[in-house]
Amino acid sequence: MNKPLVMVIDDYAPDRVFARIVLDKAECFGGVMEVPGGEEALELFEKYLRDERDDLPEGFPPLIILLDINMPRMNGFEFLDRFTELVPKLGDDTPAVLMLTSSEQPYDQERAETYEAVVGYITKPLTQQKALALCPRPSSS
């Protein structure tokens, strides 16, 4: 079984690098895509849907998206609003979205839970224990 891809969408490069290092150490993902913003991430999914896949990394689309809330230009919720429009087209290829954010505001968590694609809420920093909890479980077939 190929190890799945993870996408980290965060405007702050040190947080993206830190997440990649922690996820790489979990050794259960095939790679970590670092994306600096929601607009760039949406463009990758739109390329995938248009069958323009030559520039996309192997394993795209990712199994999981780790999404920051507080970003300039397009915040995490604005990304989710637009991403939700792509979900019917992605079908079974729709990644699970986990909010990875420094926000501990109950309102942000409650709002995140209103999106069907959002399956969890993780407060930064991403620890090894939190990363291991994201690892896919082997299917019993």
Protein backbone atom coordinates (compact mmCIF):
# COMPACT_ATOMS: atom_id res chain seq x y z
CA MET A 1 0.00 0.00 0.00
CA ASN A 2 1.36 3.42 -0.93
CA LYS A 3 1.68 5.86 1.90
CA PRO A 4 -0.71 8.82 1.52
CA LEU A 5 0.17 12.45 0.97
CA VAL A 6 -0.55 15.22 3.50
CA MET A 7 -1.02 18.90 2.59
CA VAL A 8 -0.16 21.62 5.11
CA ILE A 9 -1.75 24.99 4.28
CA ASP A 10 -0.20 27.72 6.42
CA ASP A 11 1.13 31.18 5.56
CA TYR A 12 3.91 30.95 8.16
CA ALA A 13 6.83 29.00 6.65
CA PRO A 14 8.37 27.91 9.99
CA ASP A 15 5.06 26.30 10.99
CA ARG A 16 4.87 24.46 7.65
CA VAL A 17 8.45 23.21 8.03
CA PHE A 18 7.85 22.15 11.62
CA ALA A 19 4.69 20.26 10.63
CA ARG A 20 6.56 18.53 7.79
CA ILE A 21 9.36 17.44 10.13
CA VAL A 22 6.92 16.06 12.71
CA LEU A 23 4.83 14.30 10.04
CA ASP A 24 7.94 12.84 8.38
CA LYS A 25 9.05 11.43 11.74
CA ALA A 26 5.67 9.68 12.05
CA GLU A 27 6.78 7.59 9.03
CA CYS A 28 3.23 6.85 7.92
CA PHE A 29 2.86 9.41 5.12
CA GLY A 30 4.33 9.31 1.64
CA GLY A 31 5.09 13.00 1.63
CA VAL A 32 4.10 16.38 2.95
CA MET A 33 3.12 19.23 0.62
CA GLU A 34 3.75 22.67 2.06
CA VAL A 35 1.34 25.24 0.60
CA PRO A 36 1.60 28.91 1.67
CA GLY A 37 -2.07 29.80 1.27
CA GLY A 38 -5.60 28.76 0.43
CA GLU A 39 -5.58 30.25 -3.05
CA GLU A 40 -2.55 28.18 -4.03
CA ALA A 41 -4.11 25.03 -2.58
CA LEU A 42 -7.37 25.59 -4.45
CA GLU A 43 -5.45 26.02 -7.70
CA LEU A 44 -3.81 22.61 -7.16
CA PHE A 45 -7.21 20.95 -6.69
CA GLU A 46 -8.62 22.77 -9.71
CA LYS A 47 -5.67 21.52 -11.83
CA TYR A 48 -6.39 18.00 -10.61
CA LEU A 49 -10.04 18.30 -11.59
CA ARG A 50 -9.09 19.68 -15.04
CA ASP A 51 -6.82 16.63 -15.51
CA GLU A 52 -3.72 18.87 -15.55
CA ARG A 53 -1.76 16.58 -13.28
CA ASP A 54 1.78 16.70 -14.66
CA ASP A 55 2.93 19.30 -12.11
CA LEU A 56 1.15 17.70 -9.16
CA PRO A 57 3.13 15.58 -6.71
CA GLU A 58 2.81 11.81 -6.76
CA GLY A 59 -0.09 10.71 -4.60
CA PHE A 60 -2.18 13.83 -5.20
CA PRO A 61 -4.81 14.49 -3.96
CA PRO A 62 -3.72 14.28 -0.35
CA LEU A 63 -5.49 12.07 2.17
CA ILE A 64 -5.38 14.86 4.77
CA ILE A 65 -5.22 18.66 4.72
CA LEU A 66 -3.89 20.44 7.80
CA LEU A 67 -5.33 23.94 7.53
CA ASP A 68 -4.42 27.08 9.45
CA ILE A 69 -7.25 29.52 10.20
CA ASN A 70 -5.46 32.85 10.47
CA MET A 71 -3.85 33.61 7.12
CA PRO A 72 -3.76 36.79 5.03
CA ARG A 73 -5.47 37.04 1.62
CA MET A 74 -7.65 33.95 2.26
CA ASN A 75 -8.17 32.64 5.78
CA GLY A 76 -8.94 29.01 6.55
CA PHE A 77 -12.70 29.53 6.58
CA GLU A 78 -12.62 31.30 3.23
CA PHE A 79 -10.64 28.36 1.87
CA LEU A 80 -13.25 25.95 3.25
CA ASP A 81 -16.07 27.95 1.64
CA ARG A 82 -14.44 27.54 -1.76
CA PHE A 83 -13.18 24.00 -1.14
CA THR A 84 -16.73 22.90 -0.26
CA GLU A 85 -17.73 23.76 -3.84
CA LEU A 86 -15.09 21.30 -5.12
CA VAL A 87 -16.07 18.41 -2.82
CA PRO A 88 -18.83 17.01 -5.09
CA LYS A 89 -16.39 16.96 -8.02
CA LEU A 90 -13.63 15.32 -5.95
CA GLY A 91 -15.96 12.61 -4.66
CA ASP A 92 -14.00 9.79 -3.04
CA ASP A 93 -10.79 11.76 -3.60
CA THR A 94 -11.88 14.45 -1.12
CA PRO A 95 -9.25 14.87 1.60
CA ALA A 96 -10.17 15.00 5.26
CA VAL A 97 -9.52 18.49 6.63
CA LEU A 98 -8.11 19.07 10.08
CA MET A 99 -7.73 22.58 11.37
CA LEU A 100 -4.16 23.07 12.65
CA THR A 101 -4.21 26.43 14.33
CA SER A 102 -3.05 28.50 17.26
CA SER A 103 -6.64 29.62 17.85
CA GLU A 104 -8.14 28.20 21.00
CA GLN A 105 -11.33 30.19 20.53
CA PRO A 106 -14.42 27.97 20.98
CA TYR A 107 -16.13 29.98 18.22
CA ASP A 108 -13.45 28.95 15.69
CA GLN A 109 -13.78 25.29 16.61
CA GLU A 110 -17.59 25.43 16.45
CA ARG A 111 -17.44 27.17 13.08
CA ALA A 112 -14.95 24.61 11.74
CA GLU A 113 -17.29 21.79 12.74
CA THR A 114 -20.01 23.20 10.46
CA TYR A 115 -17.98 22.13 7.40
CA GLU A 116 -18.56 18.55 6.26
CA ALA A 117 -14.94 18.11 5.13
CA VAL A 118 -13.56 19.10 8.56
CA VAL A 119 -12.96 16.03 10.70
CA GLY A 120 -10.86 17.51 13.50
CA TYR A 121 -9.32 20.51 15.22
CA ILE A 122 -5.71 20.48 16.40
CA THR A 123 -4.15 23.29 18.40
CA LYS A 124 -0.55 24.14 17.49
CA PRO A 125 2.09 22.97 17.95
CA LEU A 126 1.73 19.70 16.09
CA THR A 127 3.33 17.14 18.38
CA GLN A 128 4.56 13.65 17.56
CA GLN A 129 1.61 12.20 19.47
CA LYS A 130 -0.87 14.30 17.44
CA ALA A 131 0.89 13.34 14.19
CA LEU A 132 0.80 9.63 15.01
CA ALA A 133 -2.94 9.91 15.69
CA LEU A 134 -3.35 11.04 12.05
CA CYS A 135 -1.68 7.93 10.65
CA PRO A 136 -4.00 5.82 8.52
CA ARG A 137 -4.97 2.52 10.08
CA PRO A 138 -4.29 -0.57 7.99
CA SER A 139 -7.51 -1.96 6.55
CA SER A 140 -8.42 -5.46 7.58
CA SER A 141 -9.21 -7.10 4.28
